[in-house]
Amino acid sequence: MDLLTTLKRHHMPFASGYSSDIYMRYGKVIKVLEDGCYEDTLNEVLLQQTAADAGLAPQVYSLFEVPGAVVIIMEAIDTDKYKQVVEDTPIGYDPIRLDGIDYNSMMVGSKLYANLIQAGIIHADFHVQNWLKCGNDAIALDFGVASLIQDANQRHLRAAVSTLTPALMALKEFELLYDMGECRDLGELRKMLKRAANLITDHPTTHKAPVCPILFS
């Protein structure tokens, strides 16, 4: 019996998205992308591993193809500690972004996003189903819509500006927000996003508390 059949017959996914199901097996997380593209998923894995190396996402162990699907094996998340900021977000509705949650959670999520930028990653689909919070610590998930900052196109860079806007508004960085909104040079916009990320991570209201244990063995 192949892996995909075994998972479907004997395991219930603990999370599902538009194009993937996520299972727990033998202490590992198994993400199954049915009809997935191996090359696109390889890019996702490389971006997630870059984030993982910076302590911002689960480690990736392997990526392989099975008939009808692409499979990612990754480190397990302690879901007793790490939670979605908004539980039970219905699939099919516009996902909740950072401007739709409480101030403290917004700043925690914004610092995580800023740390991703400092690690060289633009996550262009950063909503409450794609990151988890434990106190003032957080980890990012699902790098399927992401890019390295030097490769990010205008749509991804504009998504980053939008994601950081609530925190920059809270920090009264109105001039920087205006400049990013008016900027048409993508190279300059990348520099501005890095500056914005530094402002957010350096702000005392977003300093990390003692880190919760991320993963269990």
N, C-alpha and C. Protein backbone atom coordinates (compact mmCIF):
# COMPACT_ATOMS: atom_id res chain seq x y z
N MET A 1 0.85 -1.20 0.00
CA MET A 1 0.00 0.00 0.00
C MET A 1 0.89 1.24 0.00
N ASP A 2 0.65 2.18 -0.92
CA ASP A 2 1.51 3.36 -1.00
C ASP A 2 1.18 4.36 0.09
N LEU A 3 2.06 5.35 0.28
CA LEU A 3 1.93 6.33 1.37
C LEU A 3 0.63 7.10 1.29
N LEU A 4 0.28 7.57 0.11
CA LEU A 4 -0.93 8.37 -0.03
C LEU A 4 -2.17 7.58 0.35
N THR A 5 -2.26 6.34 -0.09
CA THR A 5 -3.41 5.48 0.26
C THR A 5 -3.45 5.21 1.74
N THR A 6 -2.28 4.94 2.34
CA THR A 6 -2.21 4.67 3.78
C THR A 6 -2.69 5.87 4.58
N LEU A 7 -2.25 7.05 4.22
CA LEU A 7 -2.66 8.25 4.94
C LEU A 7 -4.17 8.46 4.84
N LYS A 8 -4.71 8.30 3.64
CA LYS A 8 -6.14 8.55 3.46
C LYS A 8 -7.00 7.51 4.17
N ARG A 9 -6.53 6.26 4.22
CA ARG A 9 -7.33 5.20 4.84
C ARG A 9 -7.25 5.20 6.35
N HIS A 10 -6.08 5.56 6.90
CA HIS A 10 -5.85 5.33 8.32
C HIS A 10 -5.58 6.59 9.14
N HIS A 11 -5.54 7.74 8.49
CA HIS A 11 -5.26 8.97 9.22
C HIS A 11 -6.18 10.08 8.75
N MET A 12 -6.58 10.92 9.71
CA MET A 12 -7.34 12.11 9.38
C MET A 12 -6.38 13.29 9.35
N PRO A 13 -6.44 14.15 8.33
CA PRO A 13 -5.59 15.34 8.34
C PRO A 13 -5.96 16.25 9.51
N PHE A 14 -4.94 16.81 10.18
CA PHE A 14 -5.26 17.75 11.26
C PHE A 14 -5.37 19.18 10.74
N ALA A 15 -5.03 19.38 9.47
CA ALA A 15 -5.23 20.68 8.83
C ALA A 15 -5.36 20.46 7.33
N SER A 16 -6.16 21.29 6.70
CA SER A 16 -6.35 21.22 5.26
C SER A 16 -6.40 22.62 4.69
N GLY A 17 -5.82 22.79 3.51
CA GLY A 17 -5.88 24.06 2.81
C GLY A 17 -6.55 23.89 1.47
N TYR A 18 -6.37 24.87 0.60
CA TYR A 18 -7.00 24.81 -0.71
C TYR A 18 -6.40 23.70 -1.58
N SER A 19 -5.12 23.40 -1.36
CA SER A 19 -4.46 22.43 -2.25
C SER A 19 -3.64 21.40 -1.49
N SER A 20 -3.80 21.31 -0.18
CA SER A 20 -2.96 20.39 0.59
C SER A 20 -3.68 19.87 1.83
N ASP A 21 -3.25 18.71 2.27
CA ASP A 21 -3.67 18.13 3.55
C ASP A 21 -2.42 17.88 4.38
N ILE A 22 -2.54 18.07 5.70
CA ILE A 22 -1.40 17.91 6.59
C ILE A 22 -1.73 16.84 7.63
N TYR A 23 -0.83 15.86 7.74
CA TYR A 23 -1.00 14.73 8.64
C TYR A 23 0.14 14.68 9.65
N MET A 24 -0.11 14.01 10.77
CA MET A 24 0.94 13.70 11.73
C MET A 24 1.16 12.20 11.72
N ARG A 25 2.43 11.77 11.55
CA ARG A 25 2.74 10.35 11.51
C ARG A 25 4.16 10.15 12.01
N TYR A 26 4.31 9.25 13.00
CA TYR A 26 5.62 8.93 13.57
C TYR A 26 6.37 10.18 14.04
N GLY A 27 5.63 11.10 14.64
CA GLY A 27 6.26 12.29 15.19
C GLY A 27 6.72 13.30 14.16
N LYS A 28 6.29 13.15 12.92
CA LYS A 28 6.64 14.09 11.86
C LYS A 28 5.36 14.63 11.24
N VAL A 29 5.48 15.81 10.64
CA VAL A 29 4.37 16.39 9.88
C VAL A 29 4.55 16.01 8.42
N ILE A 30 3.47 15.54 7.81
CA ILE A 30 3.48 15.17 6.39
C ILE A 30 2.49 16.07 5.67
N LYS A 31 3.00 16.88 4.76
CA LYS A 31 2.16 17.76 3.95
C LYS A 31 2.03 17.14 2.57
N VAL A 32 0.80 16.86 2.17
CA VAL A 32 0.52 16.21 0.89
C VAL A 32 -0.14 17.22 -0.03
N LEU A 33 0.51 17.47 -1.17
CA LEU A 33 -0.04 18.36 -2.19
C LEU A 33 -0.46 17.51 -3.38
N GLU A 34 -1.74 17.19 -3.43
CA GLU A 34 -2.23 16.36 -4.54
C GLU A 34 -2.16 17.16 -5.85
N ASP A 35 -1.67 16.48 -6.89
CA ASP A 35 -1.46 17.12 -8.20
C ASP A 35 -0.49 18.29 -8.12
N GLY A 36 0.40 18.26 -7.11
CA GLY A 36 1.36 19.34 -6.94
C GLY A 36 2.49 19.26 -7.96
N CYS A 37 3.13 20.40 -8.18
CA CYS A 37 4.27 20.48 -9.09
C CYS A 37 5.55 20.37 -8.26
N TYR A 38 6.39 19.40 -8.58
CA TYR A 38 7.61 19.17 -7.80
C TYR A 38 8.51 20.41 -7.82
N GLU A 39 8.70 21.03 -8.98
CA GLU A 39 9.62 22.18 -9.07
C GLU A 39 9.11 23.35 -8.23
N ASP A 40 7.80 23.63 -8.28
CA ASP A 40 7.25 24.71 -7.46
C ASP A 40 7.38 24.39 -5.98
N THR A 41 7.13 23.13 -5.63
CA THR A 41 7.21 22.73 -4.23
C THR A 41 8.66 22.76 -3.73
N LEU A 42 9.60 22.44 -4.60
CA LEU A 42 11.01 22.53 -4.23
C LEU A 42 11.36 23.96 -3.85
N ASN A 43 10.86 24.93 -4.60
CA ASN A 43 11.09 26.33 -4.26
C ASN A 43 10.48 26.67 -2.90
N GLU A 44 9.27 26.17 -2.65
CA GLU A 44 8.62 26.38 -1.35
C GLU A 44 9.48 25.81 -0.22
N VAL A 45 10.00 24.60 -0.43
CA VAL A 45 10.81 23.95 0.60
C VAL A 45 12.10 24.73 0.85
N LEU A 46 12.73 25.21 -0.20
CA LEU A 46 13.97 25.97 -0.03
C LEU A 46 13.73 27.25 0.76
N LEU A 47 12.60 27.91 0.50
CA LEU A 47 12.27 29.12 1.25
C LEU A 47 11.95 28.80 2.70
N GLN A 48 11.19 27.71 2.94
CA GLN A 48 10.88 27.34 4.32
C GLN A 48 12.15 26.97 5.07
N GLN A 49 13.07 26.26 4.42
CA GLN A 49 14.29 25.86 5.10
C GLN A 49 15.16 27.08 5.43
N THR A 50 15.15 28.07 4.55
CA THR A 50 15.86 29.32 4.85
C THR A 50 15.27 29.97 6.10
N ALA A 51 13.94 29.99 6.19
CA ALA A 51 13.29 30.53 7.39
C ALA A 51 13.58 29.67 8.61
N ALA A 52 13.58 28.35 8.42
CA ALA A 52 13.86 27.44 9.54
C ALA A 52 15.27 27.65 10.08
N ASP A 53 16.22 27.88 9.19
CA ASP A 53 17.60 28.12 9.62
C ASP A 53 17.71 29.38 10.47
N ALA A 54 16.77 30.31 10.29
CA ALA A 54 16.73 31.52 11.10
C ALA A 54 15.83 31.37 12.32
N GLY A 55 15.29 30.16 12.56
CA GLY A 55 14.43 29.91 13.71
C GLY A 55 13.02 30.42 13.55
N LEU A 56 12.56 30.57 12.30
CA LEU A 56 11.27 31.20 12.04
C LEU A 56 10.23 30.25 11.46
N ALA A 57 10.58 28.98 11.26
CA ALA A 57 9.66 28.01 10.64
C ALA A 57 10.13 26.61 11.00
N PRO A 58 9.26 25.61 10.84
CA PRO A 58 9.68 24.22 11.08
C PRO A 58 10.73 23.75 10.08
N GLN A 59 11.65 22.90 10.55
CA GLN A 59 12.66 22.32 9.67
C GLN A 59 12.01 21.37 8.67
N VAL A 60 12.58 21.32 7.47
CA VAL A 60 12.12 20.39 6.44
C VAL A 60 13.10 19.22 6.37
N TYR A 61 12.57 18.00 6.40
CA TYR A 61 13.42 16.81 6.35
C TYR A 61 13.56 16.24 4.94
N SER A 62 12.47 16.23 4.18
CA SER A 62 12.56 15.64 2.84
C SER A 62 11.41 16.11 1.97
N LEU A 63 11.63 15.95 0.68
CA LEU A 63 10.63 16.26 -0.34
C LEU A 63 10.71 15.18 -1.41
N PHE A 64 9.56 14.60 -1.77
CA PHE A 64 9.57 13.56 -2.80
C PHE A 64 8.20 13.48 -3.48
N GLU A 65 8.19 12.79 -4.59
CA GLU A 65 6.96 12.57 -5.34
C GLU A 65 6.44 11.16 -5.12
N VAL A 66 5.13 11.03 -5.05
CA VAL A 66 4.45 9.74 -5.11
C VAL A 66 3.41 9.87 -6.21
N PRO A 67 2.87 8.77 -6.70
CA PRO A 67 1.85 8.88 -7.75
C PRO A 67 0.69 9.78 -7.32
N GLY A 68 0.50 10.87 -8.05
CA GLY A 68 -0.62 11.77 -7.79
C GLY A 68 -0.37 12.88 -6.80
N ALA A 69 0.84 12.98 -6.24
CA ALA A 69 1.05 14.00 -5.21
C ALA A 69 2.54 14.27 -4.99
N VAL A 70 2.81 15.42 -4.42
CA VAL A 70 4.13 15.78 -3.91
C VAL A 70 4.03 15.82 -2.40
N VAL A 71 5.04 15.30 -1.70
CA VAL A 71 4.98 15.14 -0.25
C VAL A 71 6.18 15.85 0.39
N ILE A 72 5.89 16.62 1.45
CA ILE A 72 6.93 17.26 2.26
C ILE A 72 6.88 16.65 3.65
N ILE A 73 8.03 16.22 4.15
CA ILE A 73 8.13 15.75 5.54
C ILE A 73 8.86 16.83 6.33
N MET A 74 8.26 17.26 7.42
CA MET A 74 8.86 18.36 8.19
C MET A 74 8.73 18.11 9.69
N GLU A 75 9.42 18.94 10.43
CA GLU A 75 9.44 18.87 11.88
C GLU A 75 8.04 19.12 12.43
N ALA A 76 7.71 18.43 13.51
CA ALA A 76 6.40 18.58 14.13
C ALA A 76 6.33 19.84 14.98
N ILE A 77 5.17 20.45 15.01
CA ILE A 77 4.92 21.65 15.81
C ILE A 77 4.14 21.24 17.05
N ASP A 78 4.52 21.76 18.20
CA ASP A 78 3.78 21.49 19.42
C ASP A 78 2.51 22.34 19.42
N THR A 79 1.44 21.76 18.93
CA THR A 79 0.19 22.51 18.78
C THR A 79 -0.54 22.71 20.10
N ASP A 80 -0.04 22.11 21.20
CA ASP A 80 -0.58 22.46 22.51
C ASP A 80 -0.11 23.84 22.94
N LYS A 81 1.02 24.27 22.36
CA LYS A 81 1.56 25.59 22.70
C LYS A 81 1.35 26.59 21.57
N TYR A 82 1.65 26.19 20.36
CA TYR A 82 1.52 27.09 19.23
C TYR A 82 0.11 27.03 18.67
N LYS A 83 -0.54 28.19 18.60
CA LYS A 83 -1.93 28.26 18.18
C LYS A 83 -2.11 29.33 17.10
N GLN A 84 -3.15 29.15 16.29
CA GLN A 84 -3.58 30.24 15.43
C GLN A 84 -4.10 31.37 16.30
N VAL A 85 -3.86 32.59 15.89
CA VAL A 85 -4.37 33.74 16.63
C VAL A 85 -5.89 33.75 16.62
N VAL A 86 -6.48 33.37 15.50
CA VAL A 86 -7.94 33.25 15.37
C VAL A 86 -8.22 31.79 15.02
N GLU A 87 -8.83 31.07 15.92
CA GLU A 87 -9.12 29.66 15.69
C GLU A 87 -10.34 29.49 14.78
N ASP A 88 -10.36 28.33 14.11
CA ASP A 88 -11.52 27.93 13.32
C ASP A 88 -11.88 28.95 12.23
N THR A 89 -10.84 29.48 11.57
CA THR A 89 -11.10 30.38 10.44
C THR A 89 -11.67 29.57 9.29
N PRO A 90 -12.88 29.88 8.83
CA PRO A 90 -13.50 29.06 7.78
C PRO A 90 -12.77 29.18 6.46
N ILE A 91 -12.49 28.05 5.83
CA ILE A 91 -11.90 28.05 4.50
C ILE A 91 -12.95 28.52 3.51
N GLY A 92 -12.51 29.32 2.56
CA GLY A 92 -13.44 29.86 1.58
C GLY A 92 -13.79 31.31 1.83
N TYR A 93 -13.40 31.83 3.02
CA TYR A 93 -13.61 33.23 3.33
C TYR A 93 -12.28 33.98 3.19
N ASP A 94 -12.35 35.29 3.01
CA ASP A 94 -11.14 36.08 2.91
C ASP A 94 -10.36 35.92 4.21
N PRO A 95 -9.12 35.42 4.15
CA PRO A 95 -8.38 35.17 5.38
C PRO A 95 -8.11 36.45 6.16
N ILE A 96 -8.04 36.31 7.48
CA ILE A 96 -7.81 37.46 8.35
C ILE A 96 -6.33 37.83 8.31
N ARG A 97 -6.05 39.09 8.07
CA ARG A 97 -4.69 39.61 8.02
C ARG A 97 -4.35 40.28 9.35
N LEU A 98 -3.17 40.89 9.41
CA LEU A 98 -2.71 41.48 10.66
C LEU A 98 -3.57 42.65 11.12
N ASP A 99 -4.24 43.33 10.20
CA ASP A 99 -5.07 44.45 10.61
C ASP A 99 -6.41 44.00 11.20
N GLY A 100 -6.66 42.72 11.22
CA GLY A 100 -7.93 42.22 11.74
C GLY A 100 -7.84 41.51 13.08
N ILE A 101 -6.70 41.66 13.79
CA ILE A 101 -6.51 40.99 15.07
C ILE A 101 -6.12 42.00 16.14
N ASP A 102 -6.03 41.55 17.40
CA ASP A 102 -5.73 42.47 18.49
C ASP A 102 -4.30 43.02 18.37
N TYR A 103 -4.06 44.13 19.07
CA TYR A 103 -2.79 44.86 18.92
C TYR A 103 -1.58 43.99 19.24
N ASN A 104 -1.60 43.29 20.37
CA ASN A 104 -0.44 42.49 20.76
C ASN A 104 -0.13 41.41 19.74
N SER A 105 -1.16 40.71 19.30
CA SER A 105 -0.95 39.66 18.29
C SER A 105 -0.47 40.26 16.98
N MET A 106 -1.01 41.43 16.63
CA MET A 106 -0.57 42.09 15.40
C MET A 106 0.92 42.41 15.46
N MET A 107 1.39 42.90 16.61
CA MET A 107 2.80 43.24 16.73
C MET A 107 3.69 41.99 16.73
N VAL A 108 3.22 40.91 17.37
CA VAL A 108 3.98 39.65 17.34
C VAL A 108 4.08 39.13 15.91
N GLY A 109 2.95 39.13 15.20
CA GLY A 109 2.97 38.69 13.80
C GLY A 109 3.81 39.60 12.93
N SER A 110 3.76 40.90 13.19
CA SER A 110 4.56 41.84 12.41
C SER A 110 6.05 41.63 12.64
N LYS A 111 6.42 41.33 13.88
CA LYS A 111 7.85 41.07 14.14
C LYS A 111 8.29 39.79 13.43
N LEU A 112 7.46 38.76 13.45
CA LEU A 112 7.79 37.54 12.71
C LEU A 112 7.98 37.88 11.23
N TYR A 113 7.06 38.67 10.68
CA TYR A 113 7.15 39.02 9.26
C TYR A 113 8.41 39.83 8.99
N ALA A 114 8.72 40.75 9.89
CA ALA A 114 9.93 41.55 9.73
C ALA A 114 11.18 40.68 9.82
N ASN A 115 11.16 39.70 10.70
CA ASN A 115 12.30 38.77 10.80
C ASN A 115 12.46 37.96 9.52
N LEU A 116 11.34 37.59 8.90
CA LEU A 116 11.42 36.89 7.61
C LEU A 116 12.09 37.77 6.56
N ILE A 117 11.73 39.04 6.53
CA ILE A 117 12.37 39.96 5.58
C ILE A 117 13.87 40.05 5.87
N GLN A 118 14.23 40.13 7.14
CA GLN A 118 15.65 40.19 7.50
C GLN A 118 16.38 38.92 7.09
N ALA A 119 15.65 37.80 7.05
CA ALA A 119 16.23 36.54 6.59
C ALA A 119 16.23 36.43 5.07
N GLY A 120 15.68 37.45 4.39
CA GLY A 120 15.71 37.47 2.93
C GLY A 120 14.48 36.94 2.25
N ILE A 121 13.36 36.82 2.98
CA ILE A 121 12.15 36.18 2.45
C ILE A 121 10.98 37.15 2.46
N ILE A 122 10.25 37.19 1.36
CA ILE A 122 8.96 37.88 1.30
C ILE A 122 7.87 36.81 1.28
N HIS A 123 7.09 36.73 2.34
CA HIS A 123 5.94 35.82 2.42
C HIS A 123 4.73 36.61 1.93
N ALA A 124 4.20 36.24 0.79
CA ALA A 124 3.17 37.05 0.14
C ALA A 124 1.75 36.58 0.45
N ASP A 125 1.60 35.68 1.41
CA ASP A 125 0.27 35.17 1.78
C ASP A 125 0.19 35.00 3.29
N PHE A 126 0.49 36.09 3.99
CA PHE A 126 0.65 36.05 5.45
C PHE A 126 -0.67 36.37 6.14
N HIS A 127 -1.47 35.34 6.39
CA HIS A 127 -2.73 35.50 7.11
C HIS A 127 -2.74 34.53 8.30
N VAL A 128 -3.81 34.55 9.08
CA VAL A 128 -3.78 33.86 10.38
C VAL A 128 -3.65 32.34 10.27
N GLN A 129 -3.93 31.77 9.11
CA GLN A 129 -3.75 30.33 8.95
C GLN A 129 -2.31 29.96 8.60
N ASN A 130 -1.49 30.97 8.33
CA ASN A 130 -0.13 30.71 7.87
C ASN A 130 0.95 31.14 8.88
N TRP A 131 0.54 31.39 10.13
CA TRP A 131 1.53 31.57 11.19
C TRP A 131 0.87 31.21 12.52
N LEU A 132 1.72 30.79 13.45
CA LEU A 132 1.25 30.34 14.77
C LEU A 132 1.96 31.14 15.85
N LYS A 133 1.27 31.36 16.96
CA LYS A 133 1.76 32.21 18.04
C LYS A 133 1.83 31.43 19.34
N CYS A 134 2.90 31.67 20.11
CA CYS A 134 3.05 31.13 21.46
C CYS A 134 3.59 32.25 22.32
N GLY A 135 2.71 32.94 23.06
CA GLY A 135 3.14 34.11 23.81
C GLY A 135 3.62 35.18 22.84
N ASN A 136 4.86 35.62 23.03
CA ASN A 136 5.45 36.61 22.13
C ASN A 136 6.35 35.98 21.08
N ASP A 137 6.30 34.66 20.95
CA ASP A 137 7.06 33.95 19.94
C ASP A 137 6.11 33.51 18.84
N ALA A 138 6.63 33.31 17.64
CA ALA A 138 5.77 32.92 16.53
C ALA A 138 6.60 32.21 15.46
N ILE A 139 5.95 31.38 14.67
CA ILE A 139 6.58 30.70 13.55
C ILE A 139 5.68 30.80 12.32
N ALA A 140 6.31 30.83 11.17
CA ALA A 140 5.59 30.96 9.90
C ALA A 140 5.39 29.60 9.25
N LEU A 141 4.31 29.50 8.48
CA LEU A 141 3.95 28.27 7.77
C LEU A 141 3.66 28.58 6.31
N ASP A 142 3.67 27.55 5.48
CA ASP A 142 3.18 27.59 4.10
C ASP A 142 3.87 28.68 3.27
N PHE A 143 4.99 28.29 2.68
CA PHE A 143 5.77 29.21 1.86
C PHE A 143 5.49 29.03 0.37
N GLY A 144 4.30 28.53 0.06
CA GLY A 144 3.92 28.31 -1.33
C GLY A 144 3.78 29.58 -2.13
N VAL A 145 3.45 30.69 -1.46
CA VAL A 145 3.36 32.00 -2.12
C VAL A 145 4.39 32.90 -1.44
N ALA A 146 5.63 32.73 -1.81
CA ALA A 146 6.73 33.47 -1.19
C ALA A 146 7.88 33.54 -2.19
N SER A 147 8.86 34.38 -1.88
CA SER A 147 10.01 34.53 -2.75
C SER A 147 11.17 35.12 -1.96
N LEU A 148 12.38 34.94 -2.47
CA LEU A 148 13.52 35.66 -1.93
C LEU A 148 13.35 37.13 -2.26
N ILE A 149 13.75 38.00 -1.35
CA ILE A 149 13.48 39.42 -1.53
C ILE A 149 14.10 39.95 -2.81
N GLN A 150 15.29 39.43 -3.18
CA GLN A 150 15.93 39.95 -4.39
C GLN A 150 15.22 39.49 -5.65
N ASP A 151 14.39 38.44 -5.55
CA ASP A 151 13.65 37.93 -6.70
C ASP A 151 12.18 38.34 -6.69
N ALA A 152 11.74 38.99 -5.61
CA ALA A 152 10.31 39.27 -5.43
C ALA A 152 9.82 40.25 -6.49
N ASN A 153 8.68 39.91 -7.08
CA ASN A 153 8.07 40.80 -8.07
C ASN A 153 7.26 41.89 -7.38
N GLN A 154 6.67 42.76 -8.17
CA GLN A 154 5.94 43.89 -7.60
C GLN A 154 4.78 43.42 -6.73
N ARG A 155 4.06 42.39 -7.16
CA ARG A 155 2.91 41.91 -6.37
C ARG A 155 3.35 41.43 -4.99
N HIS A 156 4.46 40.69 -4.92
CA HIS A 156 4.93 40.21 -3.63
C HIS A 156 5.43 41.36 -2.76
N LEU A 157 6.12 42.32 -3.37
CA LEU A 157 6.62 43.46 -2.59
C LEU A 157 5.47 44.31 -2.07
N ARG A 158 4.44 44.49 -2.88
CA ARG A 158 3.27 45.26 -2.42
C ARG A 158 2.53 44.52 -1.31
N ALA A 159 2.51 43.20 -1.40
CA ALA A 159 1.90 42.41 -0.32
C ALA A 159 2.67 42.62 0.98
N ALA A 160 3.99 42.72 0.89
CA ALA A 160 4.81 42.95 2.08
C ALA A 160 4.52 44.33 2.68
N VAL A 161 4.39 45.34 1.83
CA VAL A 161 4.04 46.68 2.32
C VAL A 161 2.71 46.63 3.06
N SER A 162 1.73 45.98 2.46
CA SER A 162 0.41 45.87 3.08
C SER A 162 0.48 45.15 4.42
N THR A 163 1.28 44.08 4.47
CA THR A 163 1.39 43.29 5.71
C THR A 163 2.01 44.10 6.83
N LEU A 164 3.01 44.92 6.53
CA LEU A 164 3.69 45.70 7.56
C LEU A 164 2.97 46.99 7.93
N THR A 165 1.96 47.37 7.14
CA THR A 165 1.29 48.66 7.37
C THR A 165 0.71 48.82 8.77
N PRO A 166 -0.01 47.84 9.35
CA PRO A 166 -0.56 48.06 10.69
C PRO A 166 0.51 48.37 11.74
N ALA A 167 1.62 47.66 11.70
CA ALA A 167 2.69 47.92 12.68
C ALA A 167 3.33 49.28 12.44
N LEU A 168 3.57 49.62 11.18
CA LEU A 168 4.18 50.92 10.88
C LEU A 168 3.23 52.06 11.25
N MET A 169 1.95 51.85 11.09
CA MET A 169 0.98 52.85 11.55
C MET A 169 1.06 53.00 13.07
N ALA A 170 1.15 51.87 13.77
CA ALA A 170 1.23 51.91 15.24
C ALA A 170 2.50 52.61 15.70
N LEU A 171 3.58 52.48 14.92
CA LEU A 171 4.85 53.11 15.27
C LEU A 171 4.96 54.53 14.72
N LYS A 172 3.87 55.00 14.08
CA LYS A 172 3.80 56.36 13.54
C LYS A 172 4.86 56.63 12.47
N GLU A 173 5.15 55.59 11.69
CA GLU A 173 6.11 55.73 10.59
C GLU A 173 5.35 56.11 9.31
N PHE A 174 4.65 57.24 9.39
CA PHE A 174 3.77 57.64 8.29
C PHE A 174 4.56 58.03 7.04
N GLU A 175 5.69 58.70 7.23
CA GLU A 175 6.48 59.14 6.07
C GLU A 175 7.01 57.94 5.29
N LEU A 176 7.51 56.93 6.03
CA LEU A 176 8.02 55.73 5.36
C LEU A 176 6.89 55.01 4.62
N LEU A 177 5.73 54.93 5.24
CA LEU A 177 4.59 54.31 4.58
C LEU A 177 4.22 55.05 3.30
N TYR A 178 4.23 56.37 3.36
CA TYR A 178 3.90 57.17 2.17
C TYR A 178 4.94 56.91 1.08
N ASP A 179 6.22 56.92 1.47
CA ASP A 179 7.28 56.72 0.48
C ASP A 179 7.17 55.34 -0.17
N MET A 180 6.85 54.31 0.62
CA MET A 180 6.70 52.98 0.04
C MET A 180 5.50 52.92 -0.90
N GLY A 181 4.43 53.61 -0.52
CA GLY A 181 3.25 53.61 -1.36
C GLY A 181 3.47 54.30 -2.69
N GLU A 182 4.35 55.31 -2.71
CA GLU A 182 4.62 56.08 -3.92
C GLU A 182 5.75 55.49 -4.75
N CYS A 183 6.56 54.61 -4.15
CA CYS A 183 7.77 54.12 -4.82
C CYS A 183 7.42 53.23 -6.01
N ARG A 184 8.05 53.49 -7.14
CA ARG A 184 7.86 52.66 -8.34
C ARG A 184 9.13 51.90 -8.72
N ASP A 185 10.22 52.16 -8.02
CA ASP A 185 11.48 51.48 -8.26
C ASP A 185 11.57 50.29 -7.32
N LEU A 186 11.55 49.07 -7.86
CA LEU A 186 11.49 47.88 -7.01
C LEU A 186 12.75 47.73 -6.17
N GLY A 187 13.89 48.14 -6.69
CA GLY A 187 15.12 48.08 -5.89
C GLY A 187 15.03 48.98 -4.67
N GLU A 188 14.52 50.20 -4.86
CA GLU A 188 14.35 51.12 -3.73
C GLU A 188 13.30 50.60 -2.76
N LEU A 189 12.24 49.99 -3.30
CA LEU A 189 11.20 49.45 -2.42
C LEU A 189 11.75 48.33 -1.55
N ARG A 190 12.61 47.49 -2.10
CA ARG A 190 13.25 46.44 -1.30
C ARG A 190 14.04 47.05 -0.14
N LYS A 191 14.76 48.13 -0.43
CA LYS A 191 15.54 48.81 0.63
C LYS A 191 14.61 49.38 1.71
N MET A 192 13.51 49.95 1.29
CA MET A 192 12.56 50.51 2.25
C MET A 192 11.94 49.42 3.12
N LEU A 193 11.64 48.27 2.51
CA LEU A 193 11.08 47.16 3.29
C LEU A 193 12.09 46.66 4.33
N LYS A 194 13.35 46.60 3.97
CA LYS A 194 14.36 46.21 4.94
C LYS A 194 14.46 47.22 6.07
N ARG A 195 14.37 48.50 5.73
CA ARG A 195 14.37 49.53 6.77
C ARG A 195 13.16 49.38 7.68
N ALA A 196 11.99 49.16 7.08
CA ALA A 196 10.77 48.96 7.88
C ALA A 196 10.91 47.76 8.79
N ALA A 197 11.47 46.67 8.28
CA ALA A 197 11.66 45.47 9.09
C ALA A 197 12.57 45.76 10.27
N ASN A 198 13.63 46.52 10.05
CA ASN A 198 14.54 46.87 11.14
C ASN A 198 13.85 47.71 12.20
N LEU A 199 13.03 48.65 11.78
CA LEU A 199 12.29 49.49 12.74
C LEU A 199 11.37 48.65 13.62
N ILE A 200 10.71 47.68 13.01
CA ILE A 200 9.76 46.85 13.76
C ILE A 200 10.49 45.92 14.72
N THR A 201 11.55 45.26 14.27
CA THR A 201 12.26 44.33 15.16
C THR A 201 12.99 45.07 16.26
N ASP A 202 13.39 46.32 16.04
CA ASP A 202 14.12 47.08 17.05
C ASP A 202 13.21 47.74 18.07
N HIS A 203 11.92 47.80 17.78
CA HIS A 203 11.00 48.50 18.69
C HIS A 203 10.81 47.71 19.97
N PRO A 204 10.90 48.37 21.14
CA PRO A 204 10.82 47.61 22.40
C PRO A 204 9.52 46.88 22.64
N THR A 205 8.42 47.34 22.05
CA THR A 205 7.15 46.66 22.27
C THR A 205 7.08 45.34 21.54
N THR A 206 8.05 45.06 20.66
CA THR A 206 8.02 43.81 19.92
C THR A 206 9.21 42.92 20.26
N HIS A 207 9.94 43.23 21.32
CA HIS A 207 11.01 42.33 21.74
C HIS A 207 10.44 41.01 22.22
N LYS A 208 11.13 39.93 21.97
CA LYS A 208 10.63 38.61 22.33
C LYS A 208 10.68 38.39 23.84
N ALA A 209 9.65 37.75 24.35
CA ALA A 209 9.69 37.21 25.69
C ALA A 209 10.47 35.91 25.64
N PRO A 210 10.72 35.25 26.80
CA PRO A 210 11.38 33.92 26.74
C PRO A 210 10.67 33.00 25.76
N VAL A 211 11.44 32.35 24.92
CA VAL A 211 10.90 31.58 23.80
C VAL A 211 10.22 30.32 24.28
N CYS A 212 9.03 30.07 23.77
CA CYS A 212 8.35 28.81 24.04
C CYS A 212 9.04 27.69 23.27
N PRO A 213 9.00 26.47 23.78
CA PRO A 213 9.57 25.37 23.00
C PRO A 213 8.79 25.18 21.72
N ILE A 214 9.49 25.19 20.58
CA ILE A 214 8.80 25.14 19.29
C ILE A 214 8.33 23.75 18.95
N LEU A 215 9.22 22.79 19.12
CA LEU A 215 8.95 21.45 18.58
C LEU A 215 9.15 20.40 19.64
N PHE A 216 8.42 19.34 19.50
CA PHE A 216 8.61 18.23 20.43
C PHE A 216 9.26 17.09 19.69
N SER A 217 9.97 16.27 20.42
CA SER A 217 10.69 15.16 19.78
C SER A 217 9.79 13.94 19.73
